[in-house]
N, C-alpha and C. Protein backbone atom coordinates (compact mmCIF):
# COMPACT_ATOMS: atom_id res chain seq x y z
N UNK A 1 -27.45 11.20 -0.21
CA UNK A 1 -28.00 10.84 -1.51
C UNK A 1 -27.80 11.97 -2.53
N UNK A 2 -28.04 13.22 -2.08
CA UNK A 2 -27.88 14.35 -2.99
C UNK A 2 -26.44 14.46 -3.48
N UNK A 3 -25.50 14.24 -2.56
CA UNK A 3 -24.08 14.30 -2.95
C UNK A 3 -23.75 13.23 -3.98
N UNK A 4 -24.33 12.05 -3.83
CA UNK A 4 -24.10 10.96 -4.78
C UNK A 4 -24.68 11.31 -6.15
N UNK A 5 -25.87 11.86 -6.16
CA UNK A 5 -26.50 12.25 -7.43
C UNK A 5 -25.66 13.31 -8.14
N UNK A 6 -25.18 14.29 -7.38
CA UNK A 6 -24.35 15.35 -7.97
C UNK A 6 -23.04 14.77 -8.51
N UNK A 7 -22.48 13.80 -7.78
CA UNK A 7 -21.25 13.15 -8.24
C UNK A 7 -21.49 12.41 -9.55
N UNK A 8 -22.65 11.77 -9.67
CA UNK A 8 -22.99 11.06 -10.91
C UNK A 8 -23.18 12.02 -12.07
N UNK A 9 -23.83 13.15 -11.80
CA UNK A 9 -24.05 14.15 -12.84
C UNK A 9 -22.72 14.67 -13.38
N UNK A 10 -21.77 14.86 -12.48
CA UNK A 10 -20.46 15.38 -12.87
C UNK A 10 -19.50 14.27 -13.32
N UNK A 11 -19.97 13.01 -13.28
CA UNK A 11 -19.17 11.85 -13.69
C UNK A 11 -17.82 11.84 -12.97
N UNK A 12 -17.86 12.09 -11.67
CA UNK A 12 -16.65 12.15 -10.86
C UNK A 12 -16.48 10.82 -10.11
N UNK A 13 -15.59 9.92 -10.60
CA UNK A 13 -15.46 8.59 -9.98
C UNK A 13 -15.12 8.63 -8.50
N UNK A 14 -14.23 9.54 -8.09
CA UNK A 14 -13.81 9.60 -6.70
C UNK A 14 -14.98 10.00 -5.81
N UNK A 15 -15.71 11.03 -6.22
CA UNK A 15 -16.87 11.48 -5.44
C UNK A 15 -17.96 10.41 -5.41
N UNK A 16 -18.14 9.70 -6.52
CA UNK A 16 -19.14 8.63 -6.58
C UNK A 16 -18.81 7.55 -5.56
N UNK A 17 -17.54 7.17 -5.50
CA UNK A 17 -17.11 6.12 -4.56
C UNK A 17 -17.29 6.57 -3.12
N UNK A 18 -16.89 7.79 -2.82
CA UNK A 18 -16.95 8.27 -1.44
C UNK A 18 -18.37 8.52 -0.96
N UNK A 19 -19.26 8.90 -1.86
CA UNK A 19 -20.65 9.19 -1.45
C UNK A 19 -21.57 7.99 -1.62
N UNK A 20 -21.26 7.11 -2.58
CA UNK A 20 -22.15 5.99 -2.86
C UNK A 20 -21.72 4.68 -2.26
N UNK A 21 -20.44 4.53 -1.95
CA UNK A 21 -19.89 3.30 -1.37
C UNK A 21 -20.25 2.10 -2.26
N UNK A 22 -20.39 0.90 -1.67
CA UNK A 22 -20.59 -0.33 -2.43
C UNK A 22 -21.87 -0.28 -3.27
N UNK A 23 -22.96 0.17 -2.65
CA UNK A 23 -24.25 0.17 -3.34
C UNK A 23 -24.24 1.13 -4.52
N UNK A 24 -23.67 2.31 -4.33
CA UNK A 24 -23.61 3.28 -5.42
C UNK A 24 -22.76 2.80 -6.58
N UNK A 25 -21.61 2.20 -6.28
CA UNK A 25 -20.74 1.66 -7.32
C UNK A 25 -21.45 0.55 -8.08
N UNK A 26 -22.09 -0.36 -7.33
CA UNK A 26 -22.80 -1.48 -7.96
C UNK A 26 -23.93 -0.98 -8.86
N UNK A 27 -24.64 0.04 -8.41
CA UNK A 27 -25.74 0.57 -9.21
C UNK A 27 -25.25 1.14 -10.53
N UNK A 28 -24.16 1.89 -10.49
CA UNK A 28 -23.65 2.50 -11.72
C UNK A 28 -23.09 1.45 -12.68
N UNK A 29 -22.47 0.40 -12.14
CA UNK A 29 -21.99 -0.67 -13.01
C UNK A 29 -23.17 -1.40 -13.63
N UNK A 30 -24.21 -1.62 -12.85
CA UNK A 30 -25.44 -2.22 -13.38
C UNK A 30 -26.04 -1.35 -14.48
N UNK A 31 -26.11 -0.04 -14.23
CA UNK A 31 -26.69 0.87 -15.20
C UNK A 31 -25.89 0.93 -16.49
N UNK A 32 -24.57 0.96 -16.37
CA UNK A 32 -23.74 1.02 -17.58
C UNK A 32 -23.87 -0.27 -18.38
N UNK A 33 -24.04 -1.39 -17.71
CA UNK A 33 -24.13 -2.67 -18.39
C UNK A 33 -25.52 -2.95 -18.94
N UNK A 34 -26.58 -2.49 -18.25
CA UNK A 34 -27.91 -2.92 -18.63
C UNK A 34 -28.90 -1.85 -19.00
N UNK A 35 -28.61 -0.58 -18.74
CA UNK A 35 -29.55 0.50 -19.03
C UNK A 35 -28.91 1.45 -20.03
N UNK A 36 -29.64 1.80 -21.07
CA UNK A 36 -29.05 2.57 -22.16
C UNK A 36 -28.53 3.92 -21.70
N UNK A 37 -29.18 4.54 -20.68
CA UNK A 37 -28.70 5.85 -20.24
C UNK A 37 -27.33 5.75 -19.57
N UNK A 38 -26.91 4.52 -19.23
CA UNK A 38 -25.60 4.33 -18.61
C UNK A 38 -24.46 4.29 -19.59
N UNK A 39 -24.75 4.56 -20.85
CA UNK A 39 -23.74 4.43 -21.90
C UNK A 39 -22.56 5.39 -21.70
N UNK A 40 -22.81 6.50 -21.00
CA UNK A 40 -21.75 7.49 -20.81
C UNK A 40 -21.14 7.44 -19.41
N UNK A 41 -21.51 6.47 -18.61
CA UNK A 41 -20.98 6.39 -17.25
C UNK A 41 -19.52 5.92 -17.27
N UNK A 42 -18.72 6.37 -16.30
CA UNK A 42 -17.28 6.07 -16.30
C UNK A 42 -16.95 4.72 -15.66
N UNK A 43 -17.39 3.63 -16.28
CA UNK A 43 -17.21 2.31 -15.68
C UNK A 43 -15.78 1.92 -15.40
N UNK A 44 -14.90 2.04 -16.39
CA UNK A 44 -13.51 1.64 -16.23
C UNK A 44 -12.81 2.44 -15.13
N UNK A 45 -12.89 3.76 -15.24
CA UNK A 45 -12.22 4.61 -14.27
C UNK A 45 -12.83 4.47 -12.88
N UNK A 46 -14.15 4.21 -12.81
CA UNK A 46 -14.82 4.02 -11.53
C UNK A 46 -14.29 2.78 -10.82
N UNK A 47 -14.19 1.67 -11.54
CA UNK A 47 -13.71 0.42 -10.94
C UNK A 47 -12.24 0.53 -10.55
N UNK A 48 -11.46 1.13 -11.41
CA UNK A 48 -10.03 1.29 -11.12
C UNK A 48 -9.84 2.17 -9.88
N UNK A 49 -10.54 3.29 -9.83
CA UNK A 49 -10.43 4.19 -8.68
C UNK A 49 -10.92 3.51 -7.40
N UNK A 50 -11.98 2.70 -7.51
CA UNK A 50 -12.50 1.99 -6.34
C UNK A 50 -11.45 1.02 -5.80
N UNK A 51 -10.77 0.32 -6.70
CA UNK A 51 -9.72 -0.59 -6.27
C UNK A 51 -8.56 0.15 -5.64
N UNK A 52 -8.21 1.28 -6.22
CA UNK A 52 -7.10 2.09 -5.70
C UNK A 52 -7.41 2.59 -4.29
N UNK A 53 -8.63 3.09 -4.10
CA UNK A 53 -9.03 3.60 -2.79
C UNK A 53 -9.22 2.46 -1.79
N UNK A 54 -9.58 1.30 -2.30
CA UNK A 54 -9.71 0.13 -1.43
C UNK A 54 -8.37 -0.25 -0.82
N UNK A 55 -7.30 -0.10 -1.59
CA UNK A 55 -5.96 -0.39 -1.08
C UNK A 55 -5.59 0.56 0.05
N UNK A 56 -6.21 1.74 0.05
CA UNK A 56 -5.94 2.71 1.10
C UNK A 56 -6.85 2.55 2.30
N UNK A 57 -7.74 1.55 2.25
CA UNK A 57 -8.60 1.27 3.39
C UNK A 57 -9.98 1.86 3.35
N UNK A 58 -10.34 2.58 2.26
CA UNK A 58 -11.67 3.20 2.18
C UNK A 58 -12.76 2.15 2.02
N UNK A 59 -12.49 1.10 1.25
CA UNK A 59 -13.44 0.02 1.01
C UNK A 59 -12.77 -1.32 1.26
N UNK A 60 -13.59 -2.32 1.54
CA UNK A 60 -13.09 -3.68 1.70
C UNK A 60 -13.08 -4.37 0.34
N UNK A 61 -11.93 -4.91 -0.07
CA UNK A 61 -11.79 -5.44 -1.42
C UNK A 61 -12.73 -6.61 -1.72
N UNK A 62 -12.99 -7.47 -0.72
CA UNK A 62 -13.86 -8.62 -0.94
C UNK A 62 -15.28 -8.24 -1.34
N UNK A 63 -16.01 -7.51 -0.49
CA UNK A 63 -17.36 -7.08 -0.85
C UNK A 63 -17.39 -6.22 -2.11
N UNK A 64 -16.35 -5.44 -2.33
CA UNK A 64 -16.30 -4.58 -3.51
C UNK A 64 -16.28 -5.42 -4.78
N UNK A 65 -15.38 -6.39 -4.85
CA UNK A 65 -15.29 -7.25 -6.03
C UNK A 65 -16.59 -8.02 -6.24
N UNK A 66 -17.12 -8.57 -5.17
CA UNK A 66 -18.36 -9.37 -5.27
C UNK A 66 -19.51 -8.52 -5.80
N UNK A 67 -19.72 -7.34 -5.23
CA UNK A 67 -20.85 -6.50 -5.65
C UNK A 67 -20.70 -6.02 -7.08
N UNK A 68 -19.47 -5.72 -7.49
CA UNK A 68 -19.23 -5.25 -8.85
C UNK A 68 -19.50 -6.35 -9.87
N UNK A 69 -19.00 -7.55 -9.61
CA UNK A 69 -19.18 -8.67 -10.54
C UNK A 69 -20.66 -9.02 -10.67
N UNK A 70 -21.38 -9.09 -9.56
CA UNK A 70 -22.81 -9.40 -9.60
C UNK A 70 -23.57 -8.32 -10.37
N UNK A 71 -23.25 -7.06 -10.10
CA UNK A 71 -23.93 -5.95 -10.79
C UNK A 71 -23.68 -5.99 -12.29
N UNK A 72 -22.45 -6.33 -12.69
CA UNK A 72 -22.12 -6.40 -14.12
C UNK A 72 -22.87 -7.53 -14.80
N UNK A 73 -22.94 -8.68 -14.17
CA UNK A 73 -23.63 -9.84 -14.75
C UNK A 73 -25.14 -9.59 -14.85
N UNK A 74 -25.72 -9.08 -13.77
CA UNK A 74 -27.16 -8.79 -13.78
C UNK A 74 -27.48 -7.70 -14.79
N UNK A 75 -26.62 -6.69 -14.86
CA UNK A 75 -26.84 -5.61 -15.81
C UNK A 75 -26.87 -6.09 -17.25
N UNK A 76 -25.91 -6.92 -17.62
CA UNK A 76 -25.88 -7.46 -18.98
C UNK A 76 -27.10 -8.34 -19.25
N UNK A 77 -27.56 -9.06 -18.25
CA UNK A 77 -28.75 -9.90 -18.42
C UNK A 77 -29.98 -9.05 -18.69
N UNK A 78 -30.07 -7.90 -18.01
CA UNK A 78 -31.17 -6.98 -18.26
C UNK A 78 -31.07 -6.41 -19.68
N UNK A 79 -29.84 -6.11 -20.11
CA UNK A 79 -29.64 -5.63 -21.47
C UNK A 79 -30.07 -6.67 -22.50
N UNK A 80 -29.75 -7.94 -22.25
CA UNK A 80 -30.17 -9.03 -23.14
C UNK A 80 -31.69 -9.10 -23.21
N UNK A 81 -32.34 -9.04 -22.03
CA UNK A 81 -33.80 -9.09 -21.98
C UNK A 81 -34.40 -7.94 -22.78
N UNK A 82 -33.83 -6.75 -22.62
CA UNK A 82 -34.32 -5.58 -23.35
C UNK A 82 -34.21 -5.81 -24.85
N UNK A 83 -33.06 -6.33 -25.29
CA UNK A 83 -32.88 -6.59 -26.71
C UNK A 83 -33.85 -7.64 -27.23
N UNK A 84 -34.08 -8.69 -26.45
CA UNK A 84 -34.96 -9.78 -26.88
C UNK A 84 -36.42 -9.35 -26.97
N UNK A 85 -36.81 -8.36 -26.17
CA UNK A 85 -38.23 -7.99 -26.10
C UNK A 85 -38.58 -6.72 -26.86
N UNK A 86 -37.74 -5.70 -26.80
CA UNK A 86 -38.08 -4.43 -27.44
C UNK A 86 -36.96 -3.85 -28.28
N UNK A 87 -35.83 -4.53 -28.34
CA UNK A 87 -34.66 -3.97 -28.98
C UNK A 87 -34.79 -3.68 -30.46
N UNK A 88 -35.45 -4.57 -31.20
CA UNK A 88 -35.55 -4.40 -32.65
C UNK A 88 -36.22 -3.08 -33.00
N UNK A 89 -37.36 -2.80 -32.38
CA UNK A 89 -38.09 -1.56 -32.66
C UNK A 89 -37.32 -0.34 -32.15
N UNK A 90 -36.67 -0.49 -31.00
CA UNK A 90 -35.95 0.63 -30.42
C UNK A 90 -34.81 1.08 -31.31
N UNK A 91 -34.10 0.14 -31.92
CA UNK A 91 -32.95 0.49 -32.73
C UNK A 91 -33.31 1.04 -34.10
N UNK A 92 -34.59 1.16 -34.36
CA UNK A 92 -35.03 1.81 -35.59
C UNK A 92 -35.22 3.31 -35.39
N UNK A 93 -35.04 3.75 -34.14
CA UNK A 93 -35.22 5.17 -33.83
C UNK A 93 -34.11 6.03 -34.46
N UNK A 94 -34.42 7.30 -34.60
CA UNK A 94 -33.43 8.24 -35.12
C UNK A 94 -32.44 8.59 -34.00
N UNK A 95 -31.33 9.20 -34.40
CA UNK A 95 -30.31 9.57 -33.44
C UNK A 95 -30.87 10.54 -32.39
N UNK A 96 -30.41 10.37 -31.15
CA UNK A 96 -30.81 11.26 -30.07
C UNK A 96 -29.60 11.49 -29.18
N UNK A 97 -29.80 12.17 -28.05
CA UNK A 97 -28.70 12.47 -27.15
C UNK A 97 -28.07 11.18 -26.59
N UNK A 98 -28.91 10.19 -26.25
CA UNK A 98 -28.43 8.96 -25.64
C UNK A 98 -28.19 7.83 -26.62
N UNK A 99 -28.72 7.97 -27.83
CA UNK A 99 -28.62 6.86 -28.78
C UNK A 99 -28.27 7.36 -30.16
N UNK A 100 -27.33 6.66 -30.79
CA UNK A 100 -26.96 6.98 -32.17
C UNK A 100 -26.82 5.67 -32.94
N UNK A 101 -27.25 5.69 -34.18
CA UNK A 101 -27.17 4.50 -35.02
C UNK A 101 -25.73 4.02 -35.18
N UNK A 102 -24.78 4.93 -35.07
CA UNK A 102 -23.37 4.56 -35.20
C UNK A 102 -22.96 3.61 -34.09
N UNK A 103 -23.57 3.74 -32.89
CA UNK A 103 -23.25 2.83 -31.79
C UNK A 103 -23.62 1.40 -32.17
N UNK A 104 -24.76 1.25 -32.81
CA UNK A 104 -25.23 -0.08 -33.22
C UNK A 104 -24.31 -0.65 -34.29
N UNK A 105 -23.97 0.16 -35.28
CA UNK A 105 -23.10 -0.30 -36.36
C UNK A 105 -21.73 -0.72 -35.82
N UNK A 106 -21.22 0.07 -34.88
CA UNK A 106 -19.92 -0.21 -34.29
C UNK A 106 -19.96 -1.55 -33.54
N UNK A 107 -21.04 -1.79 -32.80
CA UNK A 107 -21.16 -3.03 -32.04
C UNK A 107 -21.40 -4.22 -32.96
N UNK A 108 -22.15 -4.01 -34.03
CA UNK A 108 -22.37 -5.09 -35.00
C UNK A 108 -21.05 -5.53 -35.63
N UNK A 109 -20.19 -4.57 -35.94
CA UNK A 109 -18.88 -4.92 -36.50
C UNK A 109 -18.06 -5.69 -35.46
N UNK A 110 -18.25 -5.32 -34.21
CA UNK A 110 -17.55 -6.01 -33.12
C UNK A 110 -17.98 -7.47 -33.07
N UNK A 111 -19.29 -7.72 -33.20
CA UNK A 111 -19.81 -9.09 -33.19
C UNK A 111 -19.33 -9.88 -34.41
N UNK A 112 -19.31 -9.22 -35.56
CA UNK A 112 -18.86 -9.88 -36.78
C UNK A 112 -17.41 -10.32 -36.66
N UNK A 113 -16.61 -9.55 -35.96
CA UNK A 113 -15.19 -9.85 -35.83
C UNK A 113 -14.92 -10.92 -34.78
N UNK A 114 -15.65 -10.89 -33.67
CA UNK A 114 -15.32 -11.76 -32.54
C UNK A 114 -16.37 -12.83 -32.22
N UNK A 115 -17.55 -12.78 -32.84
CA UNK A 115 -18.56 -13.79 -32.56
C UNK A 115 -19.03 -13.73 -31.12
N UNK A 116 -19.26 -14.91 -30.50
CA UNK A 116 -19.73 -14.97 -29.13
C UNK A 116 -18.76 -14.35 -28.14
N UNK A 117 -17.48 -14.37 -28.49
CA UNK A 117 -16.47 -13.77 -27.60
C UNK A 117 -16.67 -12.27 -27.44
N UNK A 118 -17.47 -11.68 -28.33
CA UNK A 118 -17.72 -10.24 -28.26
C UNK A 118 -18.38 -9.86 -26.94
N UNK A 119 -19.19 -10.77 -26.38
CA UNK A 119 -19.85 -10.48 -25.10
C UNK A 119 -18.80 -10.27 -24.01
N UNK A 120 -17.73 -11.06 -24.06
CA UNK A 120 -16.65 -10.92 -23.08
C UNK A 120 -15.79 -9.71 -23.39
N UNK A 121 -15.32 -9.61 -24.63
CA UNK A 121 -14.40 -8.54 -25.01
C UNK A 121 -15.05 -7.16 -24.95
N UNK A 122 -16.38 -7.11 -25.23
CA UNK A 122 -17.07 -5.82 -25.21
C UNK A 122 -17.02 -5.16 -23.84
N UNK A 123 -16.85 -5.95 -22.80
CA UNK A 123 -16.76 -5.39 -21.45
C UNK A 123 -15.65 -4.34 -21.34
N UNK A 124 -14.62 -4.49 -22.13
CA UNK A 124 -13.45 -3.63 -22.02
C UNK A 124 -13.50 -2.45 -22.99
N UNK A 125 -14.64 -2.28 -23.69
CA UNK A 125 -14.76 -1.20 -24.66
C UNK A 125 -15.97 -0.33 -24.31
N UNK A 126 -15.75 0.93 -23.87
CA UNK A 126 -16.87 1.81 -23.54
C UNK A 126 -17.85 1.93 -24.70
N UNK A 127 -19.10 2.17 -24.39
CA UNK A 127 -20.21 2.28 -25.34
C UNK A 127 -20.57 0.91 -25.88
N UNK A 128 -19.59 0.19 -26.44
CA UNK A 128 -19.85 -1.14 -26.99
C UNK A 128 -20.38 -2.07 -25.90
N UNK A 129 -19.84 -1.97 -24.66
CA UNK A 129 -20.28 -2.89 -23.61
C UNK A 129 -21.74 -2.66 -23.21
N UNK A 130 -22.27 -1.46 -23.47
CA UNK A 130 -23.68 -1.20 -23.17
C UNK A 130 -24.59 -1.75 -24.27
N UNK A 131 -24.15 -1.64 -25.52
CA UNK A 131 -24.97 -2.07 -26.65
C UNK A 131 -24.88 -3.57 -26.89
N UNK A 132 -23.73 -4.18 -26.60
CA UNK A 132 -23.48 -5.59 -26.93
C UNK A 132 -24.53 -6.55 -26.38
N UNK A 133 -24.90 -6.49 -25.10
CA UNK A 133 -25.91 -7.44 -24.61
C UNK A 133 -27.27 -7.24 -25.25
N UNK A 134 -27.59 -6.00 -25.62
CA UNK A 134 -28.87 -5.72 -26.28
C UNK A 134 -28.90 -6.39 -27.65
N UNK A 135 -27.81 -6.26 -28.40
CA UNK A 135 -27.74 -6.88 -29.72
C UNK A 135 -27.73 -8.41 -29.60
N UNK A 136 -27.13 -8.93 -28.54
CA UNK A 136 -27.15 -10.38 -28.32
C UNK A 136 -28.58 -10.85 -28.13
N UNK A 137 -29.40 -10.06 -27.43
CA UNK A 137 -30.80 -10.42 -27.23
C UNK A 137 -31.60 -10.32 -28.51
N UNK A 138 -31.26 -9.35 -29.36
CA UNK A 138 -31.95 -9.20 -30.64
C UNK A 138 -31.59 -10.35 -31.59
N UNK A 139 -30.34 -10.77 -31.56
CA UNK A 139 -29.84 -11.79 -32.48
C UNK A 139 -30.28 -13.20 -32.12
N UNK A 140 -29.55 -14.17 -32.66
CA UNK A 140 -29.94 -15.57 -32.51
C UNK A 140 -29.26 -16.25 -31.32
N UNK A 141 -28.48 -15.52 -30.53
CA UNK A 141 -27.79 -16.13 -29.39
C UNK A 141 -28.78 -16.48 -28.29
N UNK A 142 -28.79 -17.73 -27.86
CA UNK A 142 -29.67 -18.14 -26.77
C UNK A 142 -29.19 -17.54 -25.45
N UNK A 143 -30.12 -17.42 -24.51
CA UNK A 143 -29.72 -16.83 -23.24
C UNK A 143 -28.72 -17.72 -22.50
N UNK A 144 -28.86 -19.02 -22.64
CA UNK A 144 -27.93 -19.94 -21.97
C UNK A 144 -26.50 -19.70 -22.45
N UNK A 145 -26.33 -19.56 -23.77
CA UNK A 145 -25.01 -19.29 -24.32
C UNK A 145 -24.53 -17.90 -23.91
N UNK A 146 -25.45 -16.93 -23.98
CA UNK A 146 -25.09 -15.57 -23.60
C UNK A 146 -24.65 -15.51 -22.15
N UNK A 147 -25.37 -16.21 -21.26
CA UNK A 147 -25.07 -16.14 -19.83
C UNK A 147 -23.66 -16.65 -19.53
N UNK A 148 -23.24 -17.70 -20.25
CA UNK A 148 -21.89 -18.23 -19.99
C UNK A 148 -20.83 -17.19 -20.34
N UNK A 149 -20.98 -16.51 -21.48
CA UNK A 149 -20.04 -15.45 -21.85
C UNK A 149 -20.18 -14.26 -20.90
N UNK A 150 -21.42 -13.98 -20.49
CA UNK A 150 -21.69 -12.86 -19.60
C UNK A 150 -20.98 -13.03 -18.26
N UNK A 151 -21.05 -14.22 -17.69
CA UNK A 151 -20.42 -14.47 -16.40
C UNK A 151 -18.89 -14.32 -16.51
N UNK A 152 -18.32 -14.90 -17.57
CA UNK A 152 -16.87 -14.79 -17.77
C UNK A 152 -16.46 -13.33 -17.92
N UNK A 153 -17.19 -12.59 -18.75
CA UNK A 153 -16.88 -11.18 -18.96
C UNK A 153 -17.04 -10.36 -17.70
N UNK A 154 -18.10 -10.62 -16.95
CA UNK A 154 -18.33 -9.88 -15.71
C UNK A 154 -17.21 -10.09 -14.70
N UNK A 155 -16.72 -11.32 -14.62
CA UNK A 155 -15.63 -11.63 -13.69
C UNK A 155 -14.32 -10.99 -14.14
N UNK A 156 -13.98 -11.20 -15.42
CA UNK A 156 -12.70 -10.69 -15.93
C UNK A 156 -12.66 -9.16 -15.88
N UNK A 157 -13.73 -8.52 -16.31
CA UNK A 157 -13.74 -7.05 -16.33
C UNK A 157 -13.94 -6.48 -14.94
N UNK A 158 -15.01 -6.88 -14.26
CA UNK A 158 -15.32 -6.31 -12.96
C UNK A 158 -14.23 -6.54 -11.94
N UNK A 159 -13.87 -7.82 -11.74
CA UNK A 159 -12.82 -8.13 -10.76
C UNK A 159 -11.46 -7.63 -11.25
N UNK A 160 -11.22 -7.77 -12.56
CA UNK A 160 -9.91 -7.39 -13.11
C UNK A 160 -9.60 -5.91 -12.94
N UNK A 161 -10.56 -5.04 -13.25
CA UNK A 161 -10.32 -3.60 -13.14
C UNK A 161 -10.15 -3.19 -11.68
N UNK A 162 -10.96 -3.77 -10.80
CA UNK A 162 -10.84 -3.44 -9.38
C UNK A 162 -9.50 -3.91 -8.82
N UNK A 163 -9.12 -5.13 -9.15
CA UNK A 163 -7.87 -5.69 -8.62
C UNK A 163 -6.64 -4.99 -9.20
N UNK A 164 -6.76 -4.50 -10.45
CA UNK A 164 -5.66 -3.72 -11.02
C UNK A 164 -5.43 -2.46 -10.20
N UNK A 165 -6.52 -1.75 -9.87
CA UNK A 165 -6.40 -0.57 -9.04
C UNK A 165 -5.89 -0.90 -7.65
N UNK A 166 -6.38 -2.00 -7.10
CA UNK A 166 -5.95 -2.42 -5.76
C UNK A 166 -4.46 -2.75 -5.74
N UNK A 167 -4.00 -3.44 -6.78
CA UNK A 167 -2.58 -3.81 -6.85
C UNK A 167 -1.69 -2.57 -6.93
N UNK A 168 -2.04 -1.64 -7.82
CA UNK A 168 -1.25 -0.42 -7.96
C UNK A 168 -1.30 0.41 -6.68
N UNK A 169 -2.48 0.43 -6.03
CA UNK A 169 -2.61 1.16 -4.79
C UNK A 169 -1.77 0.57 -3.68
N UNK A 170 -1.50 -0.74 -3.78
CA UNK A 170 -0.72 -1.43 -2.75
C UNK A 170 0.78 -1.23 -2.93
N UNK A 171 1.21 -1.02 -4.18
CA UNK A 171 2.65 -0.94 -4.45
C UNK A 171 3.15 0.49 -4.63
N UNK A 172 2.23 1.44 -4.89
CA UNK A 172 2.63 2.83 -5.08
C UNK A 172 2.34 3.60 -3.80
N UNK A 173 3.36 4.14 -3.14
CA UNK A 173 3.14 4.91 -1.91
C UNK A 173 2.25 6.13 -2.18
N UNK A 174 1.29 6.37 -1.27
CA UNK A 174 0.39 7.52 -1.40
C UNK A 174 -0.29 7.57 -2.76
N UNK A 175 -0.72 6.41 -3.23
CA UNK A 175 -1.29 6.31 -4.58
C UNK A 175 -2.55 7.15 -4.76
N UNK A 176 -3.28 7.42 -3.65
CA UNK A 176 -4.50 8.21 -3.78
C UNK A 176 -4.22 9.61 -4.32
N UNK A 177 -2.97 10.08 -4.17
CA UNK A 177 -2.61 11.38 -4.71
C UNK A 177 -2.58 11.37 -6.24
N UNK A 178 -2.38 10.21 -6.80
CA UNK A 178 -2.25 10.09 -8.26
C UNK A 178 -3.48 9.45 -8.90
N UNK A 179 -4.58 9.41 -8.17
CA UNK A 179 -5.75 8.69 -8.65
C UNK A 179 -6.32 9.29 -9.94
N UNK A 180 -6.30 10.62 -10.05
CA UNK A 180 -6.84 11.24 -11.26
C UNK A 180 -6.00 10.95 -12.50
N UNK A 181 -4.67 11.17 -12.47
CA UNK A 181 -3.89 10.84 -13.67
C UNK A 181 -3.90 9.35 -14.00
N UNK A 182 -3.87 8.49 -12.98
CA UNK A 182 -3.91 7.05 -13.23
C UNK A 182 -5.24 6.64 -13.84
N UNK A 183 -6.33 7.22 -13.35
CA UNK A 183 -7.65 6.92 -13.91
C UNK A 183 -7.75 7.42 -15.34
N UNK A 184 -7.13 8.56 -15.62
CA UNK A 184 -7.15 9.11 -16.97
C UNK A 184 -6.45 8.16 -17.94
N UNK A 185 -5.34 7.57 -17.50
CA UNK A 185 -4.64 6.59 -18.34
C UNK A 185 -5.55 5.41 -18.65
N UNK A 186 -6.30 4.94 -17.65
CA UNK A 186 -7.22 3.82 -17.86
C UNK A 186 -8.30 4.20 -18.85
N UNK A 187 -8.84 5.39 -18.74
CA UNK A 187 -9.89 5.85 -19.66
C UNK A 187 -9.36 5.91 -21.09
N UNK A 188 -8.18 6.49 -21.27
CA UNK A 188 -7.59 6.59 -22.61
C UNK A 188 -7.36 5.21 -23.20
N UNK A 189 -6.84 4.30 -22.38
CA UNK A 189 -6.58 2.94 -22.85
C UNK A 189 -7.87 2.24 -23.25
N UNK A 190 -8.95 2.47 -22.51
CA UNK A 190 -10.21 1.80 -22.81
C UNK A 190 -10.84 2.33 -24.10
N UNK A 191 -10.57 3.60 -24.43
CA UNK A 191 -11.14 4.17 -25.65
C UNK A 191 -10.27 3.92 -26.89
N UNK A 192 -9.08 3.40 -26.71
CA UNK A 192 -8.20 3.17 -27.86
C UNK A 192 -8.83 2.28 -28.93
N UNK A 193 -9.52 1.17 -28.55
CA UNK A 193 -10.14 0.36 -29.61
C UNK A 193 -11.15 1.13 -30.45
N UNK A 194 -11.88 2.04 -29.82
CA UNK A 194 -12.86 2.84 -30.56
C UNK A 194 -12.15 3.79 -31.53
N UNK A 195 -11.13 4.48 -31.03
CA UNK A 195 -10.38 5.40 -31.90
C UNK A 195 -9.72 4.66 -33.06
N UNK A 196 -9.20 3.47 -32.77
CA UNK A 196 -8.57 2.66 -33.81
C UNK A 196 -9.60 2.26 -34.86
N UNK A 197 -10.78 1.87 -34.40
CA UNK A 197 -11.83 1.45 -35.31
C UNK A 197 -12.28 2.61 -36.20
N UNK A 198 -12.41 3.80 -35.61
CA UNK A 198 -12.81 4.97 -36.38
C UNK A 198 -11.74 5.31 -37.43
N UNK A 199 -10.46 5.25 -37.02
CA UNK A 199 -9.36 5.56 -37.93
C UNK A 199 -9.33 4.59 -39.11
N UNK A 200 -9.55 3.31 -38.82
CA UNK A 200 -9.56 2.32 -39.89
C UNK A 200 -10.73 2.56 -40.84
N UNK A 201 -11.88 2.96 -40.26
CA UNK A 201 -13.04 3.22 -41.11
C UNK A 201 -12.82 4.39 -42.04
N UNK A 202 -12.09 5.41 -41.57
CA UNK A 202 -11.81 6.57 -42.42
C UNK A 202 -10.82 6.23 -43.52
N UNK A 203 -9.93 5.28 -43.25
CA UNK A 203 -8.93 4.90 -44.28
C UNK A 203 -9.52 3.97 -45.33
N UNK A 204 -10.64 3.31 -44.94
CA UNK A 204 -11.23 2.36 -45.89
C UNK A 204 -11.80 3.11 -47.08
N UNK A 205 -11.71 2.52 -48.31
CA UNK A 205 -12.23 3.19 -49.50
C UNK A 205 -13.73 3.28 -49.50
């Protein structure tokens, strides 16, 4: 347990997977999706690395995909509940280490651009995926409508990221040697929408 906690503190996806196994991975995906302190957790790189290591025999791909998808769906549902019950007052708070008003503004723009599809698409954008279900709960979206988007997003993101890592791990010899650079590519790709959004905002008059 101590090793898992230290791995989480250092945000080390490989150590998290090796010390936490299925339960540890599922917990972090749940936390990133449904708990505000999970906003900085390495969800994309964690899932990709888990899939990559699964191809090498460290984890079984079936239980891994199932636990990740369930954790993502339940996590977003908790985020929706939080938004529906206490989100309005919480988002009036001043900036802190874990929360900044810019996160809310960024996610609101995401909703304005994509509507209900934002629940699905937000899964692939760090920070936004943590705030999106909370804002859905605050807004006028019913839970029934939210749940349908939530399930689709949880499957596409959770299973998709794991299977991408598993596929590359299956076709690249000794892929575990390249897990860090490959995970870095995934992280950079996942943050591109945020960087693009910031750049566009700076160019706007």
